[in-house]
Amino acid sequence: MKNKHLLVNFFYNGQIEPAIELASSIIIDNGAFSVWKSNKKFDLDKFYAWLENYVNSPRLDFFFIPDKICGTERENDILIKECPFKNGVPIWHTNESLERLERLSNEHQRIAIGSSAEHNLRTTEWWERMVEAFNTICDLGKPRCKVHGLRMLNKEIVSSFPFSSGDSSTVARHSSPDNYLPHIKNIKSRLSILVNRIEESQSPSIWENKVVIQKKLL
């Protein structure tokens, strides 16, 4: 993955050194969701102590400020204020208030948008909420801050919203032979095809709300 833009998850932090050597730039995911899924407790101090080794790396674009999974907006706002480094990016989830989204977009140069249990990715409810989100953070079609889409590198999603960046687990999940591209067994070939498919998509520079939402028939 030389000269590519990579995301490194703190939960699998053994990937950080090769990523720094090979990538053009990296994003660091705090791994809070992965820790939560594994029924473990997230160690905030341990994360920041580890991050301190890389926070000034010329390869690091930014990192995601840890948030409390299923926590309140107030709890996560406190975590943002207590972040010790300047290049942290706060996360807004689609089940949170649009008022919080508007405030974050006014206070930060970049924010990340993530899905939620109430708005599963690419469902009708998700598309509707994403339209509301970009209507909230855009002035005359231009986002007032850069926006990162968490797990949002699907071609349809990328081409619908004015993202500055995004991430996806598609390459990692399908790098080894499986039912996705079953006829291609060579890992390097699979990686190349997967990455190229993702990079074919381009986000619009202006939000014009051309999203067509298919309503469910009752």
C-alpha atoms as a PDB file:
ATOM      1  CA  MET A   1       0.000   0.000   0.000  1.00  0.00           C
ATOM      2  CA  LYS A   2       2.897   2.362  -0.761  1.00  0.00           C
ATOM      3  CA  ASN A   3       2.052   6.056  -1.285  1.00  0.00           C
ATOM      4  CA  LYS A   4      -1.568   5.548  -0.276  1.00  0.00           C
ATOM      5  CA  HIS A   5      -3.615   7.197   2.465  1.00  0.00           C
ATOM      6  CA  LEU A   6      -4.184   4.755   5.319  1.00  0.00           C
ATOM      7  CA  LEU A   7      -6.189   4.555   8.541  1.00  0.00           C
ATOM      8  CA  VAL A   8      -4.576   2.854  11.545  1.00  0.00           C
ATOM      9  CA  ASN A   9      -6.736   1.608  14.411  1.00  0.00           C
ATOM     10  CA  PHE A  10      -5.266   1.882  17.937  1.00  0.00           C
ATOM     11  CA  PHE A  11      -6.909  -1.477  18.697  1.00  0.00           C
ATOM     12  CA  TYR A  12      -4.515  -2.993  16.125  1.00  0.00           C
ATOM     13  CA  ASN A  13      -1.673  -0.549  16.724  1.00  0.00           C
ATOM     14  CA  GLY A  14       1.062  -2.900  15.555  1.00  0.00           C
ATOM     15  CA  GLN A  15       0.269  -1.581  12.056  1.00  0.00           C
ATOM     16  CA  ILE A  16       1.442   1.947  12.819  1.00  0.00           C
ATOM     17  CA  GLU A  17       5.160   1.633  12.043  1.00  0.00           C
ATOM     18  CA  PRO A  18       4.825   0.014   8.583  1.00  0.00           C
ATOM     19  CA  ALA A  19       2.017   2.457   7.788  1.00  0.00           C
ATOM     20  CA  ILE A  20       4.240   5.449   8.603  1.00  0.00           C
ATOM     21  CA  GLU A  21       7.001   4.050   6.407  1.00  0.00           C
ATOM     22  CA  LEU A  22       4.812   3.220   3.412  1.00  0.00           C
ATOM     23  CA  ALA A  23       1.875   5.617   3.364  1.00  0.00           C
ATOM     24  CA  SER A  24       1.665   9.142   2.018  1.00  0.00           C
ATOM     25  CA  SER A  25      -0.475  10.043   5.020  1.00  0.00           C
ATOM     26  CA  ILE A  26      -2.258   8.323   7.870  1.00  0.00           C
ATOM     27  CA  ILE A  27      -5.301   8.833  10.071  1.00  0.00           C
ATOM     28  CA  ILE A  28      -5.413   7.298  13.536  1.00  0.00           C
ATOM     29  CA  ASP A  29      -8.655   5.769  14.754  1.00  0.00           C
ATOM     30  CA  ASN A  30      -8.786   5.730  18.560  1.00  0.00           C
ATOM     31  CA  GLY A  31     -10.280   2.220  18.497  1.00  0.00           C
ATOM     32  CA  ALA A  32     -12.970   2.984  21.090  1.00  0.00           C
ATOM     33  CA  PHE A  33     -15.667   1.214  19.067  1.00  0.00           C
ATOM     34  CA  SER A  34     -13.489  -1.877  18.556  1.00  0.00           C
ATOM     35  CA  VAL A  35     -12.767  -1.994  22.291  1.00  0.00           C
ATOM     36  CA  TRP A  36     -16.473  -1.609  23.073  1.00  0.00           C
ATOM     37  CA  LYS A  37     -17.407  -4.447  20.685  1.00  0.00           C
ATOM     38  CA  SER A  38     -14.879  -6.712  22.399  1.00  0.00           C
ATOM     39  CA  ASN A  39     -16.530  -5.995  25.788  1.00  0.00           C
ATOM     40  CA  LYS A  40     -13.406  -4.322  27.125  1.00  0.00           C
ATOM     41  CA  LYS A  41     -12.935  -0.930  28.767  1.00  0.00           C
ATOM     42  CA  PHE A  42     -11.294   1.806  26.722  1.00  0.00           C
ATOM     43  CA  ASP A  43      -8.159   3.202  28.398  1.00  0.00           C
ATOM     44  CA  LEU A  44      -8.075   6.894  27.491  1.00  0.00           C
ATOM     45  CA  ASP A  45      -4.755   7.603  29.196  1.00  0.00           C
ATOM     46  CA  LYS A  46      -3.091   4.649  27.464  1.00  0.00           C
ATOM     47  CA  PHE A  47      -4.339   5.858  24.078  1.00  0.00           C
ATOM     48  CA  TYR A  48      -3.011   9.385  24.514  1.00  0.00           C
ATOM     49  CA  ALA A  49       0.322   8.110  25.899  1.00  0.00           C
ATOM     50  CA  TRP A  50       0.711   5.947  22.765  1.00  0.00           C
ATOM     51  CA  LEU A  51      -0.491   8.714  20.451  1.00  0.00           C
ATOM     52  CA  GLU A  52       2.108  11.132  21.811  1.00  0.00           C
ATOM     53  CA  ASN A  53       4.761   9.111  19.959  1.00  0.00           C
ATOM     54  CA  TYR A  54       3.126   9.848  16.602  1.00  0.00           C
ATOM     55  CA  VAL A  55       1.091  13.025  16.968  1.00  0.00           C
ATOM     56  CA  ASN A  56       3.826  15.195  15.414  1.00  0.00           C
ATOM     57  CA  SER A  57       4.680  12.770  12.624  1.00  0.00           C
ATOM     58  CA  PRO A  58       4.663  14.441   9.191  1.00  0.00           C
ATOM     59  CA  ARG A  59       2.625  11.457   7.997  1.00  0.00           C
ATOM     60  CA  LEU A  60      -0.245  12.028  10.452  1.00  0.00           C
ATOM     61  CA  ASP A  61      -3.101  14.076   9.069  1.00  0.00           C
ATOM     62  CA  PHE A  62      -5.340  13.793  12.123  1.00  0.00           C
ATOM     63  CA  PHE A  63      -6.783  11.426  14.707  1.00  0.00           C
ATOM     64  CA  PHE A  64     -10.301  10.851  15.989  1.00  0.00           C
ATOM     65  CA  ILE A  65     -10.934  12.177  19.486  1.00  0.00           C
ATOM     66  CA  PRO A  66     -12.231   9.293  21.622  1.00  0.00           C
ATOM     67  CA  ASP A  67     -15.930   9.355  22.403  1.00  0.00           C
ATOM     68  CA  LYS A  68     -17.985   7.329  24.832  1.00  0.00           C
ATOM     69  CA  ILE A  69     -19.996   4.698  22.991  1.00  0.00           C
ATOM     70  CA  CYS A  70     -23.673   5.181  23.908  1.00  0.00           C
ATOM     71  CA  GLY A  71     -22.627   8.213  25.943  1.00  0.00           C
ATOM     72  CA  THR A  72     -24.430  11.539  26.122  1.00  0.00           C
ATOM     73  CA  GLU A  73     -23.595  14.594  24.055  1.00  0.00           C
ATOM     74  CA  ARG A  74     -22.368  16.304  27.227  1.00  0.00           C
ATOM     75  CA  GLU A  75     -20.023  13.402  28.067  1.00  0.00           C
ATOM     76  CA  ASN A  76     -18.530  13.468  24.589  1.00  0.00           C
ATOM     77  CA  ASP A  77     -18.213  17.252  24.581  1.00  0.00           C
ATOM     78  CA  ILE A  78     -16.132  16.948  27.766  1.00  0.00           C
ATOM     79  CA  LEU A  79     -13.850  14.415  26.068  1.00  0.00           C
ATOM     80  CA  ILE A  80     -13.336  16.892  23.213  1.00  0.00           C
ATOM     81  CA  LYS A  81     -12.393  19.688  25.619  1.00  0.00           C
ATOM     82  CA  GLU A  82      -9.987  17.410  27.493  1.00  0.00           C
ATOM     83  CA  CYS A  83      -8.149  16.303  24.337  1.00  0.00           C
ATOM     84  CA  PRO A  84      -4.459  17.232  24.873  1.00  0.00           C
ATOM     85  CA  PHE A  85      -3.496  17.519  21.201  1.00  0.00           C
ATOM     86  CA  LYS A  86      -4.479  20.046  18.551  1.00  0.00           C
ATOM     87  CA  ASN A  87      -5.015  17.814  15.527  1.00  0.00           C
ATOM     88  CA  GLY A  88      -7.876  15.790  16.974  1.00  0.00           C
ATOM     89  CA  VAL A  89     -11.168  15.489  15.096  1.00  0.00           C
ATOM     90  CA  PRO A  90     -14.492  15.218  16.960  1.00  0.00           C
ATOM     91  CA  ILE A  91     -17.116  12.700  15.858  1.00  0.00           C
ATOM     92  CA  TRP A  92     -20.807  13.436  15.407  1.00  0.00           C
ATOM     93  CA  HIS A  93     -23.127  10.448  15.145  1.00  0.00           C
ATOM     94  CA  THR A  94     -26.374  10.576  13.231  1.00  0.00           C
ATOM     95  CA  ASN A  95     -28.480   9.924  16.345  1.00  0.00           C
ATOM     96  CA  GLU A  96     -27.162  13.093  17.969  1.00  0.00           C
ATOM     97  CA  SER A  97     -28.770  16.508  17.691  1.00  0.00           C
ATOM     98  CA  LEU A  98     -28.350  18.769  14.686  1.00  0.00           C
ATOM     99  CA  GLU A  99     -27.643  21.564  17.164  1.00  0.00           C
ATOM    100  CA  ARG A 100     -24.513  19.738  18.311  1.00  0.00           C
ATOM    101  CA  LEU A 101     -23.507  19.132  14.706  1.00  0.00           C
ATOM    102  CA  GLU A 102     -23.858  22.816  13.908  1.00  0.00           C
ATOM    103  CA  ARG A 103     -21.811  23.788  16.951  1.00  0.00           C
ATOM    104  CA  LEU A 104     -19.019  21.330  16.138  1.00  0.00           C
ATOM    105  CA  SER A 105     -18.880  22.545  12.541  1.00  0.00           C
ATOM    106  CA  ASN A 106     -18.455  26.110  13.799  1.00  0.00           C
ATOM    107  CA  GLU A 107     -15.803  25.253  16.393  1.00  0.00           C
ATOM    108  CA  HIS A 108     -13.558  22.843  14.451  1.00  0.00           C
ATOM    109  CA  GLN A 109     -11.721  22.838  11.143  1.00  0.00           C
ATOM    110  CA  ARG A 110     -12.720  19.218  10.542  1.00  0.00           C
ATOM    111  CA  ILE A 111     -15.356  16.894  11.931  1.00  0.00           C
ATOM    112  CA  ALA A 112     -16.199  13.242  11.333  1.00  0.00           C
ATOM    113  CA  ILE A 113     -19.690  11.874  10.770  1.00  0.00           C
ATOM    114  CA  GLY A 114     -20.564   8.363  11.865  1.00  0.00           C
ATOM    115  CA  SER A 115     -23.689   6.243  11.650  1.00  0.00           C
ATOM    116  CA  SER A 116     -25.714   4.914  14.572  1.00  0.00           C
ATOM    117  CA  ALA A 117     -28.072   2.099  15.521  1.00  0.00           C
ATOM    118  CA  GLU A 118     -30.989   4.381  14.656  1.00  0.00           C
ATOM    119  CA  HIS A 119     -29.569   5.126  11.207  1.00  0.00           C
ATOM    120  CA  ASN A 120     -27.891   2.050   9.777  1.00  0.00           C
ATOM    121  CA  LEU A 121     -25.613   2.815   6.856  1.00  0.00           C
ATOM    122  CA  ARG A 122     -27.395   3.293   3.494  1.00  0.00           C
ATOM    123  CA  THR A 123     -30.914   2.746   4.845  1.00  0.00           C
ATOM    124  CA  THR A 124     -33.693   5.198   3.999  1.00  0.00           C
ATOM    125  CA  GLU A 125     -33.413   6.651   7.509  1.00  0.00           C
ATOM    126  CA  TRP A 126     -29.661   7.091   7.074  1.00  0.00           C
ATOM    127  CA  TRP A 127     -29.972   8.928   3.751  1.00  0.00           C
ATOM    128  CA  GLU A 128     -32.613  11.243   5.198  1.00  0.00           C
ATOM    129  CA  ARG A 129     -30.454  12.034   8.219  1.00  0.00           C
ATOM    130  CA  MET A 130     -27.370  12.676   6.095  1.00  0.00           C
ATOM    131  CA  VAL A 131     -29.337  15.166   3.979  1.00  0.00           C
ATOM    132  CA  GLU A 132     -30.371  16.928   7.183  1.00  0.00           C
ATOM    133  CA  ALA A 133     -26.759  16.929   8.364  1.00  0.00           C
ATOM    134  CA  PHE A 134     -25.353  18.564   5.243  1.00  0.00           C
ATOM    135  CA  ASN A 135     -28.213  21.030   5.109  1.00  0.00           C
ATOM    136  CA  THR A 136     -27.143  22.001   8.625  1.00  0.00           C
ATOM    137  CA  ILE A 137     -23.408  22.426   8.084  1.00  0.00           C
ATOM    138  CA  CYS A 138     -23.406  23.997   4.615  1.00  0.00           C
ATOM    139  CA  ASP A 139     -23.651  27.690   3.770  1.00  0.00           C
ATOM    140  CA  LEU A 140     -24.558  28.311   0.136  1.00  0.00           C
ATOM    141  CA  GLY A 141     -23.596  24.714  -0.602  1.00  0.00           C
ATOM    142  CA  LYS A 142     -20.156  24.882   1.032  1.00  0.00           C
ATOM    143  CA  PRO A 143     -19.432  23.007   4.282  1.00  0.00           C
ATOM    144  CA  ARG A 144     -18.135  25.403   6.914  1.00  0.00           C
ATOM    145  CA  CYS A 145     -15.561  22.789   7.922  1.00  0.00           C
ATOM    146  CA  LYS A 146     -13.982  19.722   6.341  1.00  0.00           C
ATOM    147  CA  VAL A 147     -16.035  16.541   6.761  1.00  0.00           C
ATOM    148  CA  HIS A 148     -14.748  12.977   7.129  1.00  0.00           C
ATOM    149  CA  GLY A 149     -17.158  10.087   6.507  1.00  0.00           C
ATOM    150  CA  LEU A 150     -16.700   7.098   8.806  1.00  0.00           C
ATOM    151  CA  ARG A 151     -17.168   3.868   6.819  1.00  0.00           C
ATOM    152  CA  MET A 152     -18.440   5.984   3.936  1.00  0.00           C
ATOM    153  CA  LEU A 153     -16.317   5.144   0.902  1.00  0.00           C
ATOM    154  CA  ASN A 154     -19.124   3.430  -0.950  1.00  0.00           C
ATOM    155  CA  LYS A 155     -19.254   4.948  -4.439  1.00  0.00           C
ATOM    156  CA  GLU A 156     -22.875   6.096  -4.095  1.00  0.00           C
ATOM    157  CA  ILE A 157     -22.159   7.772  -0.757  1.00  0.00           C
ATOM    158  CA  VAL A 158     -18.926   9.460  -1.864  1.00  0.00           C
ATOM    159  CA  SER A 159     -20.540  10.923  -4.970  1.00  0.00           C
ATOM    160  CA  SER A 160     -23.533  12.261  -3.003  1.00  0.00           C
ATOM    161  CA  PHE A 161     -21.910  14.394  -0.304  1.00  0.00           C
ATOM    162  CA  PRO A 162     -19.035  16.950  -0.232  1.00  0.00           C
ATOM    163  CA  PHE A 163     -16.633  14.950   1.917  1.00  0.00           C
ATOM    164  CA  SER A 164     -13.036  15.997   2.387  1.00  0.00           C
ATOM    165  CA  SER A 165     -12.025  12.447   3.346  1.00  0.00           C
ATOM    166  CA  GLY A 166     -13.456   9.095   4.348  1.00  0.00           C
ATOM    167  CA  ASP A 167     -12.556   5.579   5.381  1.00  0.00           C
ATOM    168  CA  SER A 168     -13.720   2.021   4.852  1.00  0.00           C
ATOM    169  CA  SER A 169     -12.819  -1.489   5.979  1.00  0.00           C
ATOM    170  CA  THR A 170     -13.496  -2.943   2.514  1.00  0.00           C
ATOM    171  CA  VAL A 171      -9.837  -3.395   1.544  1.00  0.00           C
ATOM    172  CA  ALA A 172      -8.893  -5.006   4.852  1.00  0.00           C
ATOM    173  CA  ARG A 173     -11.921  -7.332   4.834  1.00  0.00           C
ATOM    174  CA  HIS A 174     -11.471  -8.542   1.259  1.00  0.00           C
ATOM    175  CA  SER A 175      -7.680  -8.531   0.810  1.00  0.00           C
ATOM    176  CA  SER A 176      -7.590 -12.323   1.187  1.00  0.00           C
ATOM    177  CA  PRO A 177      -9.492 -14.510  -1.302  1.00  0.00           C
ATOM    178  CA  ASP A 178     -13.215 -14.707  -0.514  1.00  0.00           C
ATOM    179  CA  ASN A 179     -16.568 -14.453  -2.305  1.00  0.00           C
ATOM    180  CA  TYR A 180     -15.752 -10.867  -3.273  1.00  0.00           C
ATOM    181  CA  LEU A 181     -13.644 -11.038  -6.459  1.00  0.00           C
ATOM    182  CA  PRO A 182     -13.435 -14.856  -6.100  1.00  0.00           C
ATOM    183  CA  HIS A 183     -11.588 -15.293  -9.394  1.00  0.00           C
ATOM    184  CA  ILE A 184      -8.627 -13.183  -8.212  1.00  0.00           C
ATOM    185  CA  LYS A 185      -6.410 -15.057  -5.748  1.00  0.00           C
ATOM    186  CA  ASN A 186      -3.262 -12.940  -5.699  1.00  0.00           C
ATOM    187  CA  ILE A 187      -3.376 -10.599  -2.697  1.00  0.00           C
ATOM    188  CA  LYS A 188      -1.464  -7.747  -4.363  1.00  0.00           C
ATOM    189  CA  SER A 189      -3.806  -7.877  -7.339  1.00  0.00           C
ATOM    190  CA  ARG A 190      -6.843  -7.881  -5.073  1.00  0.00           C
ATOM    191  CA  LEU A 191      -5.515  -4.902  -3.109  1.00  0.00           C
ATOM    192  CA  SER A 192      -4.847  -2.961  -6.298  1.00  0.00           C
ATOM    193  CA  ILE A 193      -8.351  -3.570  -7.681  1.00  0.00           C
ATOM    194  CA  LEU A 194     -10.070  -2.768  -4.378  1.00  0.00           C
ATOM    195  CA  VAL A 195      -8.145   0.472  -3.894  1.00  0.00           C
ATOM    196  CA  ASN A 196      -8.679   1.584  -7.490  1.00  0.00           C
ATOM    197  CA  ARG A 197     -12.428   0.992  -7.220  1.00  0.00           C
ATOM    198  CA  ILE A 198     -12.570   3.201  -4.139  1.00  0.00           C
ATOM    199  CA  GLU A 199     -10.428   5.939  -5.667  1.00  0.00           C
ATOM    200  CA  GLU A 200     -12.594   6.104  -8.804  1.00  0.00           C
ATOM    201  CA  SER A 201     -15.214   8.041  -6.862  1.00  0.00           C
ATOM    202  CA  GLN A 202     -15.090  11.790  -6.336  1.00  0.00           C
ATOM    203  CA  SER A 203     -17.097  13.860  -3.872  1.00  0.00           C
ATOM    204  CA  PRO A 204     -18.844  16.991  -5.159  1.00  0.00           C
ATOM    205  CA  SER A 205     -17.296  20.314  -4.169  1.00  0.00           C
ATOM    206  CA  ILE A 206     -20.727  21.851  -3.585  1.00  0.00           C
ATOM    207  CA  TRP A 207     -23.725  20.475  -1.675  1.00  0.00           C
ATOM    208  CA  GLU A 208     -26.694  20.658  -4.020  1.00  0.00           C
ATOM    209  CA  ASN A 209     -28.833  17.949  -2.408  1.00  0.00           C
ATOM    210  CA  LYS A 210     -29.286  15.713  -5.428  1.00  0.00           C
ATOM    211  CA  VAL A 211     -29.877  12.685  -3.226  1.00  0.00           C
ATOM    212  CA  VAL A 212     -32.860  10.619  -4.334  1.00  0.00           C
ATOM    213  CA  ILE A 213     -34.295   8.701  -1.394  1.00  0.00           C
ATOM    214  CA  GLN A 214     -36.329   5.625  -2.168  1.00  0.00           C
ATOM    215  CA  LYS A 215     -39.259   5.457   0.226  1.00  0.00           C
ATOM    216  CA  LYS A 216     -40.432   2.094   1.454  1.00  0.00           C
ATOM    217  CA  LEU A 217     -43.819   0.976   0.174  1.00  0.00           C
ATOM    218  CA  LEU A 218     -46.271   0.130   2.917  1.00  0.00           C
END
